[in-house]
Protein backbone atom coordinates (compact mmCIF):
# COMPACT_ATOMS: atom_id res chain seq x y z
CA UNK A 1 0.86 21.54 7.31
CA UNK A 2 -1.91 19.46 8.59
CA UNK A 3 -3.02 18.41 5.19
CA UNK A 4 0.57 17.33 4.42
CA UNK A 5 0.67 15.09 7.51
CA UNK A 6 -2.80 13.70 7.02
CA UNK A 7 -2.64 12.84 3.35
CA UNK A 8 0.76 13.53 1.86
CA UNK A 9 2.99 11.74 4.39
CA UNK A 10 1.04 8.54 4.65
CA UNK A 11 0.49 8.46 0.96
CA UNK A 12 4.08 8.78 -0.09
CA UNK A 13 5.43 6.67 2.75
CA UNK A 14 3.08 3.87 1.86
CA UNK A 15 3.90 4.14 -1.77
CA UNK A 16 7.58 4.02 -1.15
CA UNK A 17 7.28 1.05 1.19
CA UNK A 18 5.12 -0.92 -1.21
CA UNK A 19 7.42 0.02 -4.14
CA UNK A 20 10.45 -1.19 -2.18
CA UNK A 21 8.69 -4.41 -1.16
CA UNK A 22 7.77 -4.98 -4.83
CA UNK A 23 11.28 -4.52 -5.97
CA UNK A 24 12.62 -6.92 -3.29
CA UNK A 25 10.04 -9.49 -4.17
CA UNK A 26 10.16 -9.31 -7.98
CA UNK A 27 13.81 -8.13 -8.43
CA UNK A 28 15.66 -10.02 -5.75
CA UNK A 29 13.58 -12.93 -4.47
CA UNK A 30 12.11 -14.05 -7.84
CA UNK A 31 14.31 -12.45 -10.41
CA UNK A 32 11.24 -11.56 -12.46
CA UNK A 33 12.71 -8.26 -13.58
CA UNK A 34 15.26 -10.03 -15.77
CA UNK A 35 12.49 -11.44 -17.85
CA UNK A 36 10.74 -8.18 -18.64
CA UNK A 37 9.44 -7.68 -22.11
CA UNK A 38 9.67 -3.92 -21.79
CA UNK A 39 12.79 -1.71 -21.04
CA UNK A 40 13.68 -1.57 -17.28
CA UNK A 41 13.42 2.16 -17.23
CA UNK A 42 9.86 2.15 -18.53
CA UNK A 43 8.99 -0.54 -16.02
CA UNK A 44 10.47 1.51 -13.18
CA UNK A 45 8.46 4.61 -14.22
CA UNK A 46 5.20 2.70 -14.75
CA UNK A 47 5.53 0.75 -11.50
CA UNK A 48 6.34 3.98 -9.55
CA UNK A 49 3.15 5.47 -10.97
CA UNK A 50 1.16 2.44 -10.05
CA UNK A 51 2.44 2.52 -6.46
CA UNK A 52 1.67 6.25 -6.19
CA UNK A 53 -1.84 5.41 -7.16
CA UNK A 54 -2.08 2.44 -4.84
CA UNK A 55 -0.69 4.46 -1.91
CA UNK A 56 -3.21 7.22 -2.57
CA UNK A 57 -5.94 4.64 -2.73
CA UNK A 58 -5.02 3.05 0.43
CA UNK A 59 -4.76 6.45 2.22
CA UNK A 60 -8.04 7.72 0.94
CA UNK A 61 -9.80 4.40 1.72
CA UNK A 62 -8.32 4.50 5.31
CA UNK A 63 -9.64 8.10 5.79
CA UNK A 64 -12.98 7.23 4.53
CA UNK A 65 -13.15 4.11 6.79
CA UNK A 66 -12.26 6.25 9.78
CA UNK A 67 -14.78 9.03 8.77
CA UNK A 68 -17.62 6.61 8.38
CA UNK A 69 -16.71 4.74 11.56
CA UNK A 70 -16.01 1.46 9.65
CA UNK A 71 -12.57 1.49 11.40
CA UNK A 72 -12.14 2.80 14.93
CA UNK A 73 -8.76 4.15 15.91
CA UNK A 74 -9.00 3.31 19.66
CA UNK A 75 -8.23 -0.50 19.49
CA UNK A 76 -5.98 -2.36 17.07
CA UNK A 77 -5.80 0.38 14.51
CA UNK A 78 -2.60 -0.63 12.80
CA UNK A 79 -3.88 -4.17 12.46
CA UNK A 80 -7.13 -2.86 10.98
CA UNK A 81 -5.00 -0.81 8.54
CA UNK A 82 -3.14 -3.90 7.56
CA UNK A 83 -6.36 -5.72 6.91
CA UNK A 84 -7.90 -2.83 4.88
CA UNK A 85 -4.68 -2.81 2.77
CA UNK A 86 -4.75 -6.59 2.34
CA UNK A 87 -8.28 -6.43 1.11
CA UNK A 88 -7.43 -3.75 -1.32
CA UNK A 89 -4.36 -5.78 -2.33
CA UNK A 90 -6.70 -8.78 -3.22
CA UNK A 91 -8.67 -6.40 -5.41
CA UNK A 92 -5.51 -5.19 -7.11
CA UNK A 93 -4.51 -8.79 -7.66
CA UNK A 94 -7.90 -9.64 -9.28
CA UNK A 95 -7.53 -6.68 -11.64
CA UNK A 96 -4.01 -7.69 -12.56
CA UNK A 97 -5.19 -11.28 -13.09
CA UNK A 98 -8.04 -10.20 -15.37
CA UNK A 99 -5.81 -8.02 -17.45
CA UNK A 100 -3.11 -10.73 -17.61
CA UNK A 101 -0.43 -8.63 -16.03
CA UNK A 102 1.12 -11.25 -13.78
CA UNK A 103 4.69 -12.19 -13.92
CA UNK A 104 3.99 -15.92 -13.69
CA UNK A 105 2.13 -18.52 -15.60
CA UNK A 106 -1.38 -19.56 -14.68
CA UNK A 107 -0.62 -22.45 -12.46
CA UNK A 108 -2.75 -22.52 -9.25
CA UNK A 109 0.22 -22.47 -6.91
CA UNK A 110 1.63 -19.34 -8.63
CA UNK A 111 -1.78 -17.65 -8.53
CA UNK A 112 -2.18 -18.28 -4.80
CA UNK A 113 1.31 -17.08 -4.08
CA UNK A 114 0.76 -13.98 -6.15
CA UNK A 115 -2.52 -13.21 -4.43
CA UNK A 116 -1.04 -13.65 -0.98
CA UNK A 117 1.93 -11.50 -1.90
CA UNK A 118 -0.16 -8.78 -3.17
CA UNK A 119 -2.20 -8.89 -0.05
CA UNK A 120 0.83 -8.70 2.23
CA UNK A 121 2.32 -5.87 0.12
CA UNK A 122 -0.74 -3.76 0.25
CA UNK A 123 -1.35 -4.83 3.81
CA UNK A 124 2.00 -3.36 4.76
CA UNK A 125 1.00 -0.23 2.84
CA UNK A 126 -2.24 -0.01 4.93
CA UNK A 127 -0.03 -0.46 8.09
CA UNK A 128 2.21 2.36 7.08
CA UNK A 129 -0.87 4.69 6.49
CA UNK A 130 -2.25 3.82 9.84
CA UNK A 131 1.08 4.57 11.47
CA UNK A 132 1.12 7.87 9.52
CA UNK A 133 -2.34 8.71 10.83
CA UNK A 134 -1.33 7.83 14.37
CA UNK A 135 1.68 10.20 13.86
CA UNK A 136 -0.65 12.98 12.66
CA UNK A 137 -2.91 12.47 15.75
CA UNK A 138 -0.01 12.62 18.01
CA UNK A 139 1.46 15.78 16.40
CA UNK A 140 -2.03 17.39 16.44
CA UNK A 141 -2.29 16.53 20.19
CA UNK A 142 1.17 18.08 20.85
CA UNK A 143 0.24 21.27 18.92
CA UNK A 144 -2.98 21.62 20.87
CA UNK A 145 -1.11 21.18 24.19
CA UNK A 146 1.37 23.81 23.27
CA UNK A 147 -1.47 26.29 22.23
CA UNK A 148 -2.90 26.07 25.79
């Protein structure tokens, strides 16, 4: 049960939130999904896989940062989670840029907006992971209090 709370819950929650944000951004705000060159079903499956990988990456990075004391959980932990996610989002954007997987053309304004959006999206994913870790710590505390 503890492993589910520590890894599985923050991972799946962050993946779902980032996937939902991506759909809102690309599907509703920008209408990018209508210009897809692949079938929509394939896009949905591939993007779901990517967001599961991103969610796991953010979750594992957060746990590593806590374990190595790069991030403390006593002050501003959700904000630090957001910043860690944003940093990872920038790396994801750079990878997408290098492989040419962006929805937009190569204009500087579009590149800046894409980079910022990716940072916000993965930042929210990091925030969700940090909230999941806080939930796990709270549940762990309650279980220890009941055991006394």
